Protein backbone atom coordinates (compact mmCIF):
# COMPACT_ATOMS: atom_id res chain seq x y z
CA MET A 1 26.71 138.60 154.84
CA ARG A 2 27.37 142.22 154.23
CA GLN A 3 23.91 143.78 153.37
CA ARG A 4 23.83 146.06 149.85
CA LYS A 5 22.43 149.36 150.11
CA PRO A 6 19.16 149.66 148.26
CA SER A 7 19.80 151.73 144.86
CA CYS A 8 19.16 155.00 144.11
CA ARG A 9 16.52 153.99 141.52
CA TRP A 10 14.81 151.99 144.05
CA LEU A 11 14.36 154.93 146.28
CA ARG A 12 12.77 157.13 143.97
CA ASP A 13 10.43 154.62 142.61
CA HIS A 14 9.68 154.17 146.50
CA ASP A 15 9.42 157.60 147.02
CA ASN A 16 7.16 158.23 143.26
CA MET A 17 5.03 154.94 144.40
CA SER A 18 4.71 157.04 148.08
CA THR A 19 3.97 160.20 147.03
CA HIS A 20 0.89 158.29 144.39
CA THR A 21 0.06 156.97 147.16
CA ASP A 22 -0.76 160.04 149.89
CA LYS A 23 -1.85 161.70 146.85
CA GLN A 24 -4.70 159.11 145.88
CA ALA A 25 -5.67 159.11 149.62
CA GLU A 26 -6.51 163.18 149.84
CA LEU A 27 -8.19 162.62 146.49
CA ASP A 28 -10.60 159.80 148.10
CA ARG A 29 -10.78 162.16 151.46
CA ILE A 30 -12.45 165.01 149.48
CA LYS A 31 -14.41 162.71 147.52
CA ASP A 32 -15.97 161.14 150.74
CA VAL A 33 -16.43 164.34 152.37
CA TYR A 34 -18.63 165.90 149.13
CA LYS A 35 -20.23 162.71 148.93
CA GLN A 36 -21.55 163.25 152.54
CA TRP A 37 -22.18 166.86 152.47
CA HIS A 38 -23.46 166.90 149.34
CA GLY A 39 -27.41 166.34 149.81
CA GLY A 40 -27.15 166.31 153.40
CA ALA A 41 -28.81 167.87 155.87
CA ALA A 42 -26.53 170.86 156.11
CA LEU A 43 -27.48 172.04 152.77
CA SER A 44 -30.17 173.99 154.14
CA ARG A 45 -28.05 176.21 155.59
CA TYR A 46 -27.34 176.90 151.90
CA ALA A 47 -30.47 176.67 150.11
CA TRP A 48 -30.82 179.02 147.10
CA HIS A 49 -33.47 181.13 148.87
CA ARG A 50 -31.69 182.37 152.25
CA GLN A 51 -31.25 186.16 152.45
CA GLU A 52 -27.34 186.06 153.58
CA ILE A 53 -27.41 183.39 150.72
CA GLN A 54 -28.55 185.47 148.12
CA GLN A 55 -26.20 188.38 149.86
CA GLN A 56 -22.92 186.24 149.34
CA VAL A 57 -23.93 185.73 145.51
CA ALA A 58 -24.44 189.14 144.98
CA ALA A 59 -20.95 190.13 146.63
CA ARG A 60 -19.70 187.61 144.99
CA ASN A 61 -20.74 188.56 141.47
CA ARG A 62 -19.70 192.16 142.42
CA ALA A 63 -16.25 191.11 142.79
CA PHE A 64 -16.42 189.32 139.51
CA ALA A 65 -17.81 192.30 137.90
CA ALA A 66 -15.31 194.29 139.13
CA LEU A 67 -12.26 192.17 139.01
CA LEU A 68 -12.43 190.63 134.97
CA PRO A 69 -13.17 193.67 133.36
CA ALA A 70 -9.40 195.32 134.55
CA THR A 71 -7.87 191.66 133.94
CA VAL A 72 -9.48 189.65 130.69
CA GLY A 73 -11.47 192.48 129.20
CA SER A 74 -15.40 193.24 129.47
CA ASP A 75 -16.30 191.30 126.48
CA LEU A 76 -15.91 188.05 127.45
CA SER A 77 -16.81 186.49 124.08
CA GLY A 78 -13.88 185.12 123.02
CA LEU A 79 -12.52 184.01 126.44
CA ARG A 80 -11.18 180.48 126.49
CA VAL A 81 -12.21 179.44 130.18
CA LEU A 82 -11.28 177.04 132.42
CA ASP A 83 -13.22 176.05 135.82
CA VAL A 84 -10.96 174.08 138.23
CA GLY A 85 -13.54 171.50 140.34
CA CYS A 86 -16.61 173.75 138.75
CA GLY A 87 -19.62 171.78 140.84
CA THR A 88 -22.55 172.02 139.66
CA GLY A 89 -21.44 174.77 136.94
CA GLY A 90 -22.82 178.44 138.68
CA PHE A 91 -19.38 179.78 137.88
CA LEU A 92 -19.12 179.25 133.81
CA ARG A 93 -23.00 180.23 133.84
CA GLN A 94 -22.63 182.89 134.87
CA LEU A 95 -19.99 184.11 132.42
CA ILE A 96 -22.41 183.05 129.52
CA ASP A 97 -24.70 185.35 131.40
CA TRP A 98 -22.19 187.86 130.44
CA GLY A 99 -21.64 187.19 127.01
CA ALA A 100 -18.99 184.21 127.24
CA ASP A 101 -19.13 181.40 124.52
CA PRO A 102 -20.23 178.37 125.48
CA GLY A 103 -18.24 176.32 122.97
CA LYS A 104 -15.26 178.33 124.94
CA LEU A 105 -15.85 176.81 128.71
CA THR A 106 -14.72 173.85 130.54
CA GLY A 107 -15.83 172.93 133.56
CA THR A 108 -13.52 170.02 135.55
CA GLU A 109 -14.79 168.15 138.11
CA LEU A 110 -14.59 165.20 140.80
CA GLN A 111 -18.57 164.36 141.19
CA GLN A 112 -20.11 161.97 138.42
CA ASP A 113 -23.70 163.47 139.99
CA ARG A 114 -22.56 167.33 140.24
CA LEU A 115 -21.08 166.85 136.86
CA ASP A 116 -24.17 166.05 135.14
CA TYR A 117 -26.29 168.45 137.26
CA ALA A 118 -23.41 170.93 135.21
CA ARG A 119 -24.11 169.57 131.67
CA HIS A 120 -27.86 169.41 132.24
CA PHE A 121 -28.32 172.87 132.92
CA THR A 122 -25.43 174.75 130.62
CA ALA A 123 -25.57 175.52 127.03
CA ALA A 124 -25.20 172.30 125.55
CA ASP A 125 -21.59 174.14 123.84
CA ALA A 126 -19.89 173.75 127.28
CA SER A 127 -17.28 170.60 127.69
CA TRP A 128 -16.84 168.88 130.97
CA ARG A 129 -14.45 166.41 131.85
CA LEU A 130 -14.20 164.39 135.17
CA GLY A 131 -11.53 163.48 137.11
CA THR A 132 -8.05 165.85 138.17
CA LEU A 133 -6.53 168.45 136.15
CA ASP A 134 -3.20 166.59 136.01
CA ALA A 135 -5.07 163.72 134.09
CA MET A 136 -6.23 166.20 130.90
CA ARG A 137 -3.55 168.23 129.60
CA LEU A 138 -5.78 171.01 128.94
CA ARG A 139 -3.41 174.07 127.94
CA ASP A 140 -3.68 178.00 126.45
CA PHE A 141 -6.83 179.27 128.37
CA ASP A 142 -7.17 182.74 128.63
CA LEU A 143 -8.70 182.04 132.44
CA VAL A 144 -8.51 179.25 134.79
CA SER A 145 -10.76 179.11 137.86
CA ALA A 146 -10.90 177.39 141.72
CA GLN A 147 -13.58 177.90 143.66
CA THR A 148 -13.80 176.88 147.48
CA VAL A 149 -10.93 174.23 145.45
CA PHE A 150 -8.10 174.76 147.13
CA SER A 151 -9.20 175.41 151.11
CA SER A 152 -10.53 171.77 150.62
CA ILE A 153 -7.02 170.14 150.31
CA LEU A 154 -5.38 169.66 153.27
CA ASP A 155 -2.65 168.25 151.74
CA PRO A 156 -0.02 171.53 151.13
CA LEU A 157 2.39 169.52 148.32
CA LEU A 158 -1.23 168.63 146.75
CA ARG A 159 -2.13 172.31 147.08
CA ARG A 160 1.29 173.10 145.24
CA GLU A 161 0.84 170.54 141.87
CA LEU A 162 -2.71 171.57 141.74
CA ALA A 163 -1.58 175.55 141.08
CA SER A 164 1.25 174.13 139.10
CA GLN A 165 -0.92 172.43 137.03
CA MET A 166 -3.18 175.53 136.35
CA TRP A 167 -0.29 177.82 135.92
CA ARG A 168 0.31 175.88 132.88
CA SER A 169 -2.82 175.45 131.55
CA LEU A 170 -2.46 178.87 131.02
CA ARG A 171 -1.90 181.02 127.71
CA PRO A 172 1.58 183.67 128.42
CA GLY A 173 -0.62 186.76 129.75
CA GLY A 174 -3.74 184.76 131.20
CA TRP A 175 -4.90 184.98 134.32
CA CYS A 176 -5.32 181.97 137.24
CA LEU A 177 -8.62 183.31 139.56
CA VAL A 178 -9.11 182.15 142.70
CA PHE A 179 -12.33 182.25 145.70
CA ASP A 180 -12.07 181.08 149.00
CA PHE A 181 -11.60 181.11 152.65
CA ARG A 182 -9.73 183.41 154.29
CA TYR A 183 -10.09 181.95 157.97
CA ASP A 184 -10.17 178.32 159.10
CA ASN A 185 -13.12 177.14 160.15
CA PRO A 186 -13.11 175.30 163.99
CA ARG A 187 -16.79 173.98 163.18
CA ASN A 188 -14.73 171.87 160.22
CA LYS A 189 -11.94 169.35 160.40
CA HIS A 190 -12.17 169.05 156.05
CA VAL A 191 -11.25 172.82 154.93
CA ARG A 192 -7.80 174.61 155.72
CA LYS A 193 -7.78 178.59 154.99
CA VAL A 194 -5.47 179.82 152.05
CA THR A 195 -3.17 182.83 153.10
CA ARG A 196 -2.33 185.41 150.66
CA ALA A 197 1.73 184.25 150.97
CA GLU A 198 0.63 181.23 150.08
CA LEU A 199 -1.06 182.44 146.99
CA ASP A 200 2.10 184.57 146.07
CA GLY A 201 4.31 181.72 146.59
CA TYR A 202 2.58 179.51 144.15
CA TRP A 203 2.54 181.42 140.74
CA PRO A 204 5.38 184.01 139.73
CA GLY A 205 2.70 186.27 138.05
CA GLU A 206 3.64 190.30 137.55
CA ARG A 207 0.77 191.27 137.93
CA SER A 208 -2.42 190.55 140.79
CA ARG A 209 -5.29 191.63 142.67
CA TYR A 210 -6.95 190.26 146.04
CA ARG A 211 -10.08 191.58 147.29
CA THR A 212 -11.45 190.12 150.48
CA LEU A 213 -15.34 190.07 150.59
CA MET A 214 -18.83 187.90 152.10
CA LEU A 215 -19.59 188.55 156.14
CA ALA A 216 -18.15 185.37 158.13
CA PRO A 217 -21.87 182.54 157.55
CA PRO A 218 -22.30 182.74 161.37
CA VAL A 219 -22.60 186.43 161.49
CA HIS A 220 -24.46 186.78 158.50
CA ARG A 221 -27.01 185.02 159.78
CA LEU A 222 -27.67 186.08 162.85
CA LEU A 223 -28.60 189.82 160.63
CA ALA A 224 -30.33 187.55 158.44
CA GLY A 225 -34.32 189.07 159.71
CA ALA A 226 -32.20 192.50 159.07
CA PRO A 227 -32.53 194.89 156.22
CA TRP A 228 -29.95 193.97 153.38
CA LEU A 229 -27.91 197.37 153.81
CA ALA A 230 -26.96 196.24 157.05
CA ALA A 231 -25.11 193.25 156.04
CA ASP A 232 -23.15 195.43 153.83
CA ILE A 233 -22.40 198.22 155.98
CA LEU A 234 -21.10 196.11 158.58
CA SER A 235 -18.54 194.47 155.72
CA ALA A 236 -17.98 197.81 154.76
CA ILE A 237 -16.52 198.87 158.03
CA ALA A 238 -15.40 195.95 159.71
CA PRO A 239 -12.89 194.31 156.98
CA PRO A 240 -12.13 191.90 159.24
CA LEU A 241 -15.53 189.53 159.65
CA ARG A 242 -15.07 189.40 155.68
CA SER A 243 -14.51 185.61 155.38
CA HIS A 244 -13.65 184.99 152.00
CA PHE A 245 -11.23 186.48 149.30
CA VAL A 246 -10.72 186.72 144.99
CA TYR A 247 -7.48 186.67 144.15
CA MET A 248 -6.01 187.14 140.23
CA VAL A 249 -3.03 187.03 139.27
CA GLN A 250 -1.42 187.11 135.69
CA LYS A 251 1.05 184.81 133.83
CA GLY A 252 4.05 186.32 132.07
CA GLY A 253 4.29 186.69 128.33
């Protein structure tokens, strides 16, 4: 008896099912990693009062303070912002300190406890969403950010899918902002670096900005007892030792 070939529709359905399964497996992996990490002993390295952590926060804020006025403008009061993978809401609270309207700010997150923290410690008018961006259909934002989110996604297709979702959430003329790792961490198999070439391939923007910053954490920890100026000087004269970047790209009108 002659065996029938599977139909094209069956093949498409099967591929879609496989893609959905792979995506869910990657999302589950990310959730598990953060669940194990959050609240664990490893967090002591990132305690807010550590000297190197304070310097890293300062370096990131300096980079944002330089790039935001040159892109979205210095008056943040009318800015509609979407922070993807917002964690405990730190970036949105910083924008509020700089004049952003809490009622125009939205954060998304996969972890309920982190979202609860963000809601509790941020102005009441900010909006918080639990889940993945593709299920929310959020649109017309002036700024869409993702900070140490892409490096947590190991699947290249899922990275590209997130980039497309962020782009769709932007209004014409709006900006994407990414803060992330330049290098792989040999001690952490759950993260992977994000390259400039990847970023340029995700978004067909006409204008983009890229800035490296922050000493690599192992180097910075070695300087923890030194004067603050030592880390700033080393970061300034040795760009290869900078472990992070900020990237912004504008969506065409």
